[in-house]
Amino acid sequence: MSDEHGETRTPVNINAASWSDPHLQPASQHPESTELAIALVLFVGAVCFALFGAAYWQNWAAWTLGATLGAGMLLVGTGLTAWGKYLMPRGPFVEERHVLASSPEDVEAFNNALVARGVGPVKRRKILGGLLATGFGIFAVVAAFPLIRSMGPLPGKSLETTDWTPGAFLVDRSGRRLRASEFAVGTVVSSVFPEGFEDIPEAQAKDVTILIRADVQPFMSGKRATWTPAGFVAYSKMCTHAGCPVGLYERAQKLLICPCHQSMFDVANQAIPVFGPAPRPLPQLPLFIDAEGFLRAQRGYDQPVGPGYWERTT
C-alpha cells in the first residue's frame, strides 16, 4: 500500500506563510487606527455591561436595563465582527486537492501551519483580546446576579405561618372590628385581616381572609364543630391553585369561586374543591365570638395558605 501511495501521490509542499504574504495582511488600509476604534467599541460595550449590572442591582428604571444590556451586546458584537472582518488575514486561501491521503508528516506539517496562521493574528491583537475577554467576563458576572440577588433569602418556615394568632380580632380594610350582630345570613366580607396588620402589604398578601355568614348556627362537625359560630365561616382568600384571590361567592349553592381559573370550593364542606384545577381545600380560620359580640380567631389557619411548594407537608 505504501508503494502505491509513493507512486501515485501528488507532491504537496506545505509551508507556513510569512507575515509579509499579502494574503495574511488585514483588510483594513490603516490597521492601527482600526484596532484603536475597535478597542474603543469593545471598551464602551464592557462599560455598558457593567452599567446593566448596576441598574439591575439598584432597581433603576426598566428602560435602563434594556438600554444598557442592548447597547453592550450591540457594541461587543460590532467590535468582534469588525475585528474579524478588518484585522484578520484577508486571504483568499486555496489548497489544491490531491487524490490520495496525505502522509502523517504532511498532516502534521499542515496542522502546524494552520495553528500558526490562525493563532498568530489573535495573539498580535492582545489589547483587543483583553477587552473582548473583559466584556464577556463582566457580562458573565452580571448574568449571575439573578442567582445572587433576585432569589432573596431562604423562606424558612415563613410560608407555613401567617399573622393570625389566638384571640386576634377580625377587622376590615379600615381597621374596624367586626361584630357578629351586624351581618345577616348570606353576607360576605370580601377581605378581613388580623387587627393591626390591615395596612401592611406583606400581611395583606398572606393574611387576607374572606368572611361569610352561611347559616344562623354552626354547621360543621368533628374537630371543626366550634369553628363556625352563629354560622360564620372564614377561609383564606388565596387560591390553592395559583394564589389568585378567591373573591366570588355564589350564595344559592354556597360556593366560593376563583375568577382566574374557575376553581370552585364548597363553603359548607370545608371549602373542598368541587371544580377546577385547585388541588386542595382553602385553609380555614377557626372563629369564636367573644363576650362583647366581636368575631375573633381561635388560632391560625389549619394549614399553610396558597399554592403548593416543595417543602409543604400538608
C-alpha atoms as a PDB file:
ATOM      1  CA  MET A   1       0.000   0.000   0.000  1.00  0.00           C
ATOM      2  CA  SER A   2       2.824   2.345   0.824  1.00  0.00           C
ATOM      3  CA  ASP A   3       4.387   1.670  -2.586  1.00  0.00           C
ATOM      4  CA  GLU A   4       1.152   2.625  -4.320  1.00  0.00           C
ATOM      5  CA  HIS A   5       0.991   5.857  -2.311  1.00  0.00           C
ATOM      6  CA  GLY A   6       4.558   6.567  -3.173  1.00  0.00           C
ATOM      7  CA  GLU A   7       3.923   6.091  -6.887  1.00  0.00           C
ATOM      8  CA  THR A   8       0.625   7.982  -7.173  1.00  0.00           C
ATOM      9  CA  ARG A   9       0.800  10.718  -4.508  1.00  0.00           C
ATOM     10  CA  THR A  10       0.765  14.285  -5.732  1.00  0.00           C
ATOM     11  CA  PRO A  11       3.652  16.061  -4.032  1.00  0.00           C
ATOM     12  CA  VAL A  12       2.404  18.825  -1.724  1.00  0.00           C
ATOM     13  CA  ASN A  13       4.820  21.158  -0.037  1.00  0.00           C
ATOM     14  CA  ILE A  14       3.118  22.853   2.942  1.00  0.00           C
ATOM     15  CA  ASN A  15       4.987  25.717   4.473  1.00  0.00           C
ATOM     16  CA  ALA A  16       3.754  28.293   6.948  1.00  0.00           C
ATOM     17  CA  ALA A  17       3.294  31.576   5.137  1.00  0.00           C
ATOM     18  CA  SER A  18       5.349  34.516   6.326  1.00  0.00           C
ATOM     19  CA  TRP A  19       3.711  37.650   7.721  1.00  0.00           C
ATOM     20  CA  SER A  20       4.778  39.507   4.602  1.00  0.00           C
ATOM     21  CA  ASP A  21       2.484  37.332   2.477  1.00  0.00           C
ATOM     22  CA  PRO A  22      -0.229  39.631   1.039  1.00  0.00           C
ATOM     23  CA  HIS A  23      -2.849  37.015   1.878  1.00  0.00           C
ATOM     24  CA  LEU A  24      -2.056  37.370   5.575  1.00  0.00           C
ATOM     25  CA  GLN A  25      -2.413  41.123   5.616  1.00  0.00           C
ATOM     26  CA  PRO A  26      -5.541  42.605   7.246  1.00  0.00           C
ATOM     27  CA  ALA A  27      -8.252  44.027   5.036  1.00  0.00           C
ATOM     28  CA  SER A  28      -8.013  47.434   6.666  1.00  0.00           C
ATOM     29  CA  GLN A  29      -5.799  50.003   4.977  1.00  0.00           C
ATOM     30  CA  HIS A  30      -4.980  51.509   8.385  1.00  0.00           C
ATOM     31  CA  PRO A  31      -4.877  48.599  10.855  1.00  0.00           C
ATOM     32  CA  GLU A  32      -3.554  50.654  13.767  1.00  0.00           C
ATOM     33  CA  SER A  33      -6.418  53.142  13.572  1.00  0.00           C
ATOM     34  CA  THR A  34      -8.891  50.339  13.045  1.00  0.00           C
ATOM     35  CA  GLU A  35      -7.571  48.474  16.078  1.00  0.00           C
ATOM     36  CA  LEU A  36      -7.944  51.619  18.186  1.00  0.00           C
ATOM     37  CA  ALA A  37     -11.516  52.140  17.024  1.00  0.00           C
ATOM     38  CA  ILE A  38     -12.439  48.512  17.736  1.00  0.00           C
ATOM     39  CA  ALA A  39     -10.783  48.737  21.155  1.00  0.00           C
ATOM     40  CA  LEU A  40     -12.921  51.778  21.934  1.00  0.00           C
ATOM     41  CA  VAL A  41     -16.082  49.965  20.848  1.00  0.00           C
ATOM     42  CA  LEU A  42     -15.253  46.917  22.981  1.00  0.00           C
ATOM     43  CA  PHE A  43     -14.400  49.121  25.963  1.00  0.00           C
ATOM     44  CA  VAL A  44     -17.706  51.001  25.750  1.00  0.00           C
ATOM     45  CA  GLY A  45     -19.511  47.659  25.387  1.00  0.00           C
ATOM     46  CA  ALA A  46     -17.879  46.381  28.566  1.00  0.00           C
ATOM     47  CA  VAL A  47     -18.881  49.596  30.361  1.00  0.00           C
ATOM     48  CA  CYS A  48     -22.483  49.082  29.211  1.00  0.00           C
ATOM     49  CA  PHE A  49     -22.473  45.568  30.667  1.00  0.00           C
ATOM     50  CA  ALA A  50     -21.202  46.978  33.951  1.00  0.00           C
ATOM     51  CA  LEU A  51     -23.927  49.653  33.912  1.00  0.00           C
ATOM     52  CA  PHE A  52     -26.512  46.951  33.264  1.00  0.00           C
ATOM     53  CA  GLY A  53     -25.314  45.135  36.366  1.00  0.00           C
ATOM     54  CA  ALA A  54     -25.540  48.343  38.405  1.00  0.00           C
ATOM     55  CA  ALA A  55     -29.024  49.092  37.041  1.00  0.00           C
ATOM     56  CA  TYR A  56     -30.226  45.603  37.904  1.00  0.00           C
ATOM     57  CA  TRP A  57     -28.701  45.694  41.379  1.00  0.00           C
ATOM     58  CA  GLN A  58     -30.062  49.153  42.223  1.00  0.00           C
ATOM     59  CA  ASN A  59     -33.511  48.658  40.657  1.00  0.00           C
ATOM     60  CA  TRP A  60     -33.160  51.528  38.203  1.00  0.00           C
ATOM     61  CA  ALA A  61     -35.911  52.297  35.703  1.00  0.00           C
ATOM     62  CA  ALA A  62     -36.813  49.380  33.442  1.00  0.00           C
ATOM     63  CA  TRP A  63     -35.726  51.193  30.274  1.00  0.00           C
ATOM     64  CA  THR A  64     -32.160  51.467  31.611  1.00  0.00           C
ATOM     65  CA  LEU A  65     -31.955  47.673  31.846  1.00  0.00           C
ATOM     66  CA  GLY A  66     -32.893  47.234  28.193  1.00  0.00           C
ATOM     67  CA  ALA A  67     -30.767  50.141  27.028  1.00  0.00           C
ATOM     68  CA  THR A  68     -27.561  49.101  28.783  1.00  0.00           C
ATOM     69  CA  LEU A  69     -27.869  45.385  28.008  1.00  0.00           C
ATOM     70  CA  GLY A  70     -28.809  46.041  24.383  1.00  0.00           C
ATOM     71  CA  ALA A  71     -26.023  48.576  23.905  1.00  0.00           C
ATOM     72  CA  GLY A  72     -23.468  46.229  25.479  1.00  0.00           C
ATOM     73  CA  MET A  73     -24.429  43.312  23.233  1.00  0.00           C
ATOM     74  CA  LEU A  74     -24.543  45.543  20.154  1.00  0.00           C
ATOM     75  CA  LEU A  75     -21.150  47.120  20.788  1.00  0.00           C
ATOM     76  CA  VAL A  76     -19.345  43.905  21.735  1.00  0.00           C
ATOM     77  CA  GLY A  77     -20.886  42.141  18.736  1.00  0.00           C
ATOM     78  CA  THR A  78     -19.912  45.022  16.461  1.00  0.00           C
ATOM     79  CA  GLY A  79     -16.359  45.032  17.788  1.00  0.00           C
ATOM     80  CA  LEU A  80     -15.976  41.286  17.383  1.00  0.00           C
ATOM     81  CA  THR A  81     -17.393  41.398  13.846  1.00  0.00           C
ATOM     82  CA  ALA A  82     -15.154  44.321  12.853  1.00  0.00           C
ATOM     83  CA  TRP A  83     -12.131  42.551  14.297  1.00  0.00           C
ATOM     84  CA  GLY A  84     -12.809  39.502  12.169  1.00  0.00           C
ATOM     85  CA  LYS A  85     -13.571  41.500   9.044  1.00  0.00           C
ATOM     86  CA  TYR A  86     -10.866  44.157   9.084  1.00  0.00           C
ATOM     87  CA  LEU A  87      -7.948  42.833  11.151  1.00  0.00           C
ATOM     88  CA  MET A  88      -7.834  39.111  10.381  1.00  0.00           C
ATOM     89  CA  PRO A  89      -5.917  37.818   7.304  1.00  0.00           C
ATOM     90  CA  ARG A  90      -7.951  38.621   4.215  1.00  0.00           C
ATOM     91  CA  GLY A  91      -6.954  35.598   2.130  1.00  0.00           C
ATOM     92  CA  PRO A  92      -8.115  34.016  -0.062  1.00  0.00           C
ATOM     93  CA  PHE A  93      -6.535  30.718   0.915  1.00  0.00           C
ATOM     94  CA  VAL A  94      -6.668  27.928  -1.640  1.00  0.00           C
ATOM     95  CA  GLU A  95      -5.263  24.455  -1.304  1.00  0.00           C
ATOM     96  CA  GLU A  96      -5.096  22.181  -4.309  1.00  0.00           C
ATOM     97  CA  ARG A  97      -6.871  18.900  -3.709  1.00  0.00           C
ATOM     98  CA  HIS A  98      -4.958  15.694  -4.251  1.00  0.00           C
ATOM     99  CA  VAL A  99      -6.388  12.277  -4.856  1.00  0.00           C
ATOM    100  CA  LEU A 100      -4.854  10.118  -2.160  1.00  0.00           C
ATOM    101  CA  ALA A 101      -4.433  10.669   1.559  1.00  0.00           C
ATOM    102  CA  SER A 102      -1.517  12.660   2.880  1.00  0.00           C
ATOM    103  CA  SER A 103       1.237  11.069   4.849  1.00  0.00           C
ATOM    104  CA  PRO A 104       1.411  11.591   8.636  1.00  0.00           C
ATOM    105  CA  GLU A 105       4.285  14.009   8.077  1.00  0.00           C
ATOM    106  CA  ASP A 106       2.181  16.119   5.701  1.00  0.00           C
ATOM    107  CA  VAL A 107      -0.760  16.122   8.125  1.00  0.00           C
ATOM    108  CA  GLU A 108       1.445  17.252  10.981  1.00  0.00           C
ATOM    109  CA  ALA A 109       3.014  19.964   8.859  1.00  0.00           C
ATOM    110  CA  PHE A 110      -0.426  21.178   7.787  1.00  0.00           C
ATOM    111  CA  ASN A 111      -1.693  21.260  11.385  1.00  0.00           C
ATOM    112  CA  ASN A 112       1.321  23.236  12.489  1.00  0.00           C
ATOM    113  CA  ALA A 113       0.878  25.703   9.644  1.00  0.00           C
ATOM    114  CA  LEU A 114      -2.839  26.054  10.377  1.00  0.00           C
ATOM    115  CA  VAL A 115      -2.219  26.742  14.052  1.00  0.00           C
ATOM    116  CA  ALA A 116       0.477  29.260  13.220  1.00  0.00           C
ATOM    117  CA  ARG A 117      -1.783  31.092  10.781  1.00  0.00           C
ATOM    118  CA  GLY A 118      -4.893  31.030  12.966  1.00  0.00           C
ATOM    119  CA  VAL A 119      -3.467  31.878  16.380  1.00  0.00           C
ATOM    120  CA  GLY A 120      -0.922  34.393  15.271  1.00  0.00           C
ATOM    121  CA  PRO A 121      -3.316  37.199  14.249  1.00  0.00           C
ATOM    122  CA  VAL A 122      -5.209  36.818  17.512  1.00  0.00           C
ATOM    123  CA  LYS A 123      -2.050  36.912  19.624  1.00  0.00           C
ATOM    124  CA  ARG A 124      -0.931  40.004  17.778  1.00  0.00           C
ATOM    125  CA  ARG A 125      -4.057  41.873  18.958  1.00  0.00           C
ATOM    126  CA  LYS A 126      -3.578  41.429  22.675  1.00  0.00           C
ATOM    127  CA  ILE A 127      -5.408  44.633  23.584  1.00  0.00           C
ATOM    128  CA  LEU A 128      -8.484  43.650  21.590  1.00  0.00           C
ATOM    129  CA  GLY A 129      -8.411  40.152  23.028  1.00  0.00           C
ATOM    130  CA  GLY A 130      -8.155  41.524  26.536  1.00  0.00           C
ATOM    131  CA  LEU A 131     -11.033  43.950  26.017  1.00  0.00           C
ATOM    132  CA  LEU A 132     -13.187  41.234  24.458  1.00  0.00           C
ATOM    133  CA  ALA A 133     -12.440  38.925  27.380  1.00  0.00           C
ATOM    134  CA  THR A 134     -13.207  41.775  29.797  1.00  0.00           C
ATOM    135  CA  GLY A 135     -16.569  42.412  28.162  1.00  0.00           C
ATOM    136  CA  PHE A 136     -17.553  38.754  28.269  1.00  0.00           C
ATOM    137  CA  GLY A 137     -16.236  38.449  31.822  1.00  0.00           C
ATOM    138  CA  ILE A 138     -18.322  41.380  33.058  1.00  0.00           C
ATOM    139  CA  PHE A 139     -21.385  40.007  31.294  1.00  0.00           C
ATOM    140  CA  ALA A 140     -20.822  36.585  32.889  1.00  0.00           C
ATOM    141  CA  VAL A 141     -20.709  38.186  36.345  1.00  0.00           C
ATOM    142  CA  VAL A 142     -23.814  40.267  35.657  1.00  0.00           C
ATOM    143  CA  ALA A 143     -25.649  37.217  34.319  1.00  0.00           C
ATOM    144  CA  ALA A 144     -25.111  35.575  37.710  1.00  0.00           C
ATOM    145  CA  PHE A 145     -26.892  38.420  39.543  1.00  0.00           C
ATOM    146  CA  PRO A 146     -30.292  36.666  39.498  1.00  0.00           C
ATOM    147  CA  LEU A 147     -28.757  33.791  41.454  1.00  0.00           C
ATOM    148  CA  ILE A 148     -27.146  36.211  43.908  1.00  0.00           C
ATOM    149  CA  ARG A 149     -29.830  38.853  44.383  1.00  0.00           C
ATOM    150  CA  SER A 150     -33.211  38.052  42.847  1.00  0.00           C
ATOM    151  CA  MET A 151     -33.809  34.799  44.664  1.00  0.00           C
ATOM    152  CA  GLY A 152     -33.514  36.582  48.016  1.00  0.00           C
ATOM    153  CA  PRO A 153     -33.166  34.893  51.402  1.00  0.00           C
ATOM    154  CA  LEU A 154     -34.476  31.399  52.028  1.00  0.00           C
ATOM    155  CA  PRO A 155     -38.098  31.481  53.214  1.00  0.00           C
ATOM    156  CA  GLY A 156     -37.525  29.055  56.080  1.00  0.00           C
ATOM    157  CA  LYS A 157     -40.819  28.419  57.904  1.00  0.00           C
ATOM    158  CA  SER A 158     -42.394  31.713  56.832  1.00  0.00           C
ATOM    159  CA  LEU A 159     -44.562  30.004  54.197  1.00  0.00           C
ATOM    160  CA  GLU A 160     -46.219  27.879  56.870  1.00  0.00           C
ATOM    161  CA  THR A 161     -47.485  30.677  59.093  1.00  0.00           C
ATOM    162  CA  THR A 162     -49.468  33.918  58.897  1.00  0.00           C
ATOM    163  CA  ASP A 163     -50.140  36.767  61.329  1.00  0.00           C
ATOM    164  CA  TRP A 164     -53.333  35.197  62.623  1.00  0.00           C
ATOM    165  CA  THR A 165     -52.855  34.367  66.313  1.00  0.00           C
ATOM    166  CA  PRO A 166     -55.173  33.092  69.068  1.00  0.00           C
ATOM    167  CA  GLY A 167     -57.646  35.808  70.015  1.00  0.00           C
ATOM    168  CA  ALA A 168     -56.893  38.095  67.049  1.00  0.00           C
ATOM    169  CA  PHE A 169     -59.801  40.420  66.205  1.00  0.00           C
ATOM    170  CA  LEU A 170     -61.222  40.298  62.680  1.00  0.00           C
ATOM    171  CA  VAL A 171     -61.107  43.779  61.112  1.00  0.00           C
ATOM    172  CA  ASP A 172     -61.998  45.177  57.706  1.00  0.00           C
ATOM    173  CA  ARG A 173     -59.724  47.233  55.439  1.00  0.00           C
ATOM    174  CA  SER A 174     -60.305  50.342  57.556  1.00  0.00           C
ATOM    175  CA  GLY A 175     -59.294  48.552  60.762  1.00  0.00           C
ATOM    176  CA  ARG A 176     -62.829  48.395  62.179  1.00  0.00           C
ATOM    177  CA  ARG A 177     -63.584  45.399  64.375  1.00  0.00           C
ATOM    178  CA  LEU A 178     -66.390  43.182  63.101  1.00  0.00           C
ATOM    179  CA  ARG A 179     -69.314  42.419  65.384  1.00  0.00           C
ATOM    180  CA  ALA A 180     -71.392  39.311  64.677  1.00  0.00           C
ATOM    181  CA  SER A 181     -74.744  41.060  65.108  1.00  0.00           C
ATOM    182  CA  GLU A 182     -74.022  43.357  62.143  1.00  0.00           C
ATOM    183  CA  PHE A 183     -74.315  40.655  59.496  1.00  0.00           C
ATOM    184  CA  ALA A 184     -77.335  38.788  58.150  1.00  0.00           C
ATOM    185  CA  VAL A 185     -77.203  35.295  56.671  1.00  0.00           C
ATOM    186  CA  GLY A 186     -75.662  35.416  53.208  1.00  0.00           C
ATOM    187  CA  THR A 187     -73.477  38.443  53.960  1.00  0.00           C
ATOM    188  CA  VAL A 188     -69.901  38.362  52.670  1.00  0.00           C
ATOM    189  CA  VAL A 189     -66.977  40.490  53.818  1.00  0.00           C
ATOM    190  CA  SER A 190     -64.523  40.009  50.974  1.00  0.00           C
ATOM    191  CA  SER A 191     -61.361  40.941  52.871  1.00  0.00           C
ATOM    192  CA  VAL A 192     -60.705  40.744  56.599  1.00  0.00           C
ATOM    193  CA  PHE A 193     -57.393  40.851  58.442  1.00  0.00           C
ATOM    194  CA  PRO A 194     -55.978  40.320  61.926  1.00  0.00           C
ATOM    195  CA  GLU A 195     -56.143  43.600  63.817  1.00  0.00           C
ATOM    196  CA  GLY A 196     -53.003  45.686  63.361  1.00  0.00           C
ATOM    197  CA  PHE A 197     -51.999  44.113  60.040  1.00  0.00           C
ATOM    198  CA  GLU A 198     -54.611  45.577  57.706  1.00  0.00           C
ATOM    199  CA  ASP A 199     -52.200  48.219  56.343  1.00  0.00           C
ATOM    200  CA  ILE A 200     -49.078  46.066  55.968  1.00  0.00           C
ATOM    201  CA  PRO A 201     -48.566  44.993  52.302  1.00  0.00           C
ATOM    202  CA  GLU A 202     -46.952  41.638  53.103  1.00  0.00           C
ATOM    203  CA  ALA A 203     -49.668  40.841  55.630  1.00  0.00           C
ATOM    204  CA  GLN A 204     -52.368  41.821  53.148  1.00  0.00           C
ATOM    205  CA  ALA A 205     -50.968  39.222  50.768  1.00  0.00           C
ATOM    206  CA  LYS A 206     -50.859  36.237  53.126  1.00  0.00           C
ATOM    207  CA  ASP A 207     -53.392  37.105  55.857  1.00  0.00           C
ATOM    208  CA  VAL A 208     -56.322  38.199  53.687  1.00  0.00           C
ATOM    209  CA  THR A 209     -59.407  36.165  54.567  1.00  0.00           C
ATOM    210  CA  ILE A 210     -62.943  36.043  53.225  1.00  0.00           C
ATOM    211  CA  LEU A 211     -65.708  36.002  55.869  1.00  0.00           C
ATOM    212  CA  ILE A 212     -69.140  34.572  55.105  1.00  0.00           C
ATOM    213  CA  ARG A 213     -72.229  34.152  57.248  1.00  0.00           C
ATOM    214  CA  ALA A 214     -73.520  30.998  55.615  1.00  0.00           C
ATOM    215  CA  ASP A 215     -76.081  29.998  58.301  1.00  0.00           C
ATOM    216  CA  VAL A 216     -77.622  31.069  61.593  1.00  0.00           C
ATOM    217  CA  GLN A 217     -75.913  28.349  63.596  1.00  0.00           C
ATOM    218  CA  PRO A 218     -72.722  26.256  63.495  1.00  0.00           C
ATOM    219  CA  PHE A 219     -72.849  23.858  60.555  1.00  0.00           C
ATOM    220  CA  MET A 220     -69.672  21.769  60.802  1.00  0.00           C
ATOM    221  CA  SER A 221     -68.946  18.678  62.839  1.00  0.00           C
ATOM    222  CA  GLY A 222     -65.999  16.837  64.317  1.00  0.00           C
ATOM    223  CA  LYS A 223     -62.966  18.917  65.237  1.00  0.00           C
ATOM    224  CA  ARG A 224     -64.467  21.863  63.315  1.00  0.00           C
ATOM    225  CA  ALA A 225     -67.703  21.898  65.300  1.00  0.00           C
ATOM    226  CA  THR A 226     -66.716  25.124  67.085  1.00  0.00           C
ATOM    227  CA  TRP A 227     -65.119  26.826  64.094  1.00  0.00           C
ATOM    228  CA  THR A 228     -68.308  28.343  62.660  1.00  0.00           C
ATOM    229  CA  PRO A 229     -70.046  30.230  65.498  1.00  0.00           C
ATOM    230  CA  ALA A 230     -73.518  31.563  64.573  1.00  0.00           C
ATOM    231  CA  GLY A 231     -72.948  30.310  61.022  1.00  0.00           C
ATOM    232  CA  PHE A 232     -69.837  32.454  60.359  1.00  0.00           C
ATOM    233  CA  VAL A 233     -67.056  30.798  58.390  1.00  0.00           C
ATOM    234  CA  ALA A 234     -63.699  32.218  57.324  1.00  0.00           C
ATOM    235  CA  TYR A 235     -61.366  30.870  54.640  1.00  0.00           C
ATOM    236  CA  SER A 236     -58.060  32.042  53.216  1.00  0.00           C
ATOM    237  CA  LYS A 237     -58.691  34.153  50.147  1.00  0.00           C
ATOM    238  CA  MET A 238     -55.565  32.802  48.422  1.00  0.00           C
ATOM    239  CA  CYS A 239     -56.425  30.069  45.905  1.00  0.00           C
ATOM    240  CA  THR A 240     -54.568  26.793  46.400  1.00  0.00           C
ATOM    241  CA  HIS A 241     -54.022  26.510  42.652  1.00  0.00           C
ATOM    242  CA  ALA A 242     -52.042  29.624  41.674  1.00  0.00           C
ATOM    243  CA  GLY A 243     -52.574  32.059  44.541  1.00  0.00           C
ATOM    244  CA  CYS A 244     -55.260  34.191  42.903  1.00  0.00           C
ATOM    245  CA  PRO A 245     -57.818  35.939  45.180  1.00  0.00           C
ATOM    246  CA  VAL A 246     -60.918  33.821  45.633  1.00  0.00           C
ATOM    247  CA  GLY A 247     -63.393  36.670  45.823  1.00  0.00           C
ATOM    248  CA  LEU A 248     -66.637  35.472  44.210  1.00  0.00           C
ATOM    249  CA  TYR A 249     -69.420  33.890  46.299  1.00  0.00           C
ATOM    250  CA  GLU A 250     -72.341  32.024  44.777  1.00  0.00           C
ATOM    251  CA  ARG A 251     -74.899  32.339  47.583  1.00  0.00           C
ATOM    252  CA  ALA A 252     -77.527  29.815  46.386  1.00  0.00           C
ATOM    253  CA  GLN A 253     -75.056  26.914  46.126  1.00  0.00           C
ATOM    254  CA  LYS A 254     -72.664  28.227  48.795  1.00  0.00           C
ATOM    255  CA  LEU A 255     -69.668  28.116  46.501  1.00  0.00           C
ATOM    256  CA  LEU A 256     -66.554  30.261  46.524  1.00  0.00           C
ATOM    257  CA  ILE A 257     -65.219  30.810  43.008  1.00  0.00           C
ATOM    258  CA  CYS A 258     -61.739  31.792  41.863  1.00  0.00           C
ATOM    259  CA  PRO A 259     -62.111  34.137  38.862  1.00  0.00           C
ATOM    260  CA  CYS A 260     -58.698  33.245  37.404  1.00  0.00           C
ATOM    261  CA  HIS A 261     -59.178  29.557  36.562  1.00  0.00           C
ATOM    262  CA  GLN A 262     -62.714  28.935  37.817  1.00  0.00           C
ATOM    263  CA  SER A 263     -61.906  26.662  40.726  1.00  0.00           C
ATOM    264  CA  MET A 264     -64.977  26.237  42.952  1.00  0.00           C
ATOM    265  CA  PHE A 265     -64.918  25.498  46.685  1.00  0.00           C
ATOM    266  CA  ASP A 266     -67.787  24.136  48.791  1.00  0.00           C
ATOM    267  CA  VAL A 267     -68.204  26.617  51.649  1.00  0.00           C
ATOM    268  CA  ALA A 268     -70.427  24.278  53.688  1.00  0.00           C
ATOM    269  CA  ASN A 269     -67.995  21.350  53.362  1.00  0.00           C
ATOM    270  CA  GLN A 270     -64.594  22.646  54.491  1.00  0.00           C
ATOM    271  CA  ALA A 271     -64.032  24.511  51.179  1.00  0.00           C
ATOM    272  CA  ILE A 272     -63.225  21.276  49.360  1.00  0.00           C
ATOM    273  CA  PRO A 273     -62.725  21.981  45.628  1.00  0.00           C
ATOM    274  CA  VAL A 274     -65.594  20.653  43.534  1.00  0.00           C
ATOM    275  CA  PHE A 275     -64.486  22.026  40.160  1.00  0.00           C
ATOM    276  CA  GLY A 276     -61.378  23.420  38.514  1.00  0.00           C
ATOM    277  CA  PRO A 277     -57.624  22.880  38.917  1.00  0.00           C
ATOM    278  CA  ALA A 278     -57.276  23.686  42.635  1.00  0.00           C
ATOM    279  CA  PRO A 279     -55.689  20.609  44.295  1.00  0.00           C
ATOM    280  CA  ARG A 280     -56.589  21.311  47.953  1.00  0.00           C
ATOM    281  CA  PRO A 281     -59.306  22.937  50.087  1.00  0.00           C
ATOM    282  CA  LEU A 282     -58.925  26.532  51.151  1.00  0.00           C
ATOM    283  CA  PRO A 283     -57.341  26.789  54.615  1.00  0.00           C
ATOM    284  CA  GLN A 284     -59.981  27.550  57.258  1.00  0.00           C
ATOM    285  CA  LEU A 285     -59.633  30.062  60.089  1.00  0.00           C
ATOM    286  CA  PRO A 286     -61.319  28.826  63.323  1.00  0.00           C
ATOM    287  CA  LEU A 287     -63.576  31.565  64.772  1.00  0.00           C
ATOM    288  CA  PHE A 288     -65.287  32.404  68.040  1.00  0.00           C
ATOM    289  CA  ILE A 289     -67.473  35.242  69.243  1.00  0.00           C
ATOM    290  CA  ASP A 290     -66.308  36.939  72.434  1.00  0.00           C
ATOM    291  CA  ALA A 291     -68.477  38.271  75.274  1.00  0.00           C
ATOM    292  CA  GLU A 292     -68.837  41.635  73.519  1.00  0.00           C
ATOM    293  CA  GLY A 293     -70.003  40.062  70.280  1.00  0.00           C
ATOM    294  CA  PHE A 294     -66.819  40.586  68.266  1.00  0.00           C
ATOM    295  CA  LEU A 295     -65.554  37.958  65.829  1.00  0.00           C
ATOM    296  CA  ARG A 296     -62.106  36.653  66.759  1.00  0.00           C
ATOM    297  CA  ALA A 297     -59.741  33.874  65.689  1.00  0.00           C
ATOM    298  CA  GLN A 298     -59.322  30.784  67.846  1.00  0.00           C
ATOM    299  CA  ARG A 299     -55.854  30.343  66.290  1.00  0.00           C
ATOM    300  CA  GLY A 300     -54.174  30.480  62.883  1.00  0.00           C
ATOM    301  CA  TYR A 301     -55.199  28.612  59.735  1.00  0.00           C
ATOM    302  CA  ASP A 302     -55.417  24.847  59.845  1.00  0.00           C
ATOM    303  CA  GLN A 303     -52.779  24.539  57.062  1.00  0.00           C
ATOM    304  CA  PRO A 304     -50.347  26.735  55.066  1.00  0.00           C
ATOM    305  CA  VAL A 305     -52.084  29.150  52.728  1.00  0.00           C
ATOM    306  CA  GLY A 306     -51.696  29.449  48.969  1.00  0.00           C
ATOM    307  CA  PRO A 307     -50.311  27.123  46.287  1.00  0.00           C
ATOM    308  CA  GLY A 308     -48.118  24.130  46.970  1.00  0.00           C
ATOM    309  CA  TYR A 309     -44.320  24.237  47.284  1.00  0.00           C
ATOM    310  CA  TRP A 310     -41.605  21.615  47.613  1.00  0.00           C
ATOM    311  CA  GLU A 311     -41.305  21.646  51.403  1.00  0.00           C
ATOM    312  CA  ARG A 312     -45.057  21.550  52.027  1.00  0.00           C
ATOM    313  CA  THR A 313     -46.197  18.558  54.076  1.00  0.00           C
ATOM    314  CA  THR A 314     -49.964  19.200  54.360  1.00  0.00           C
END
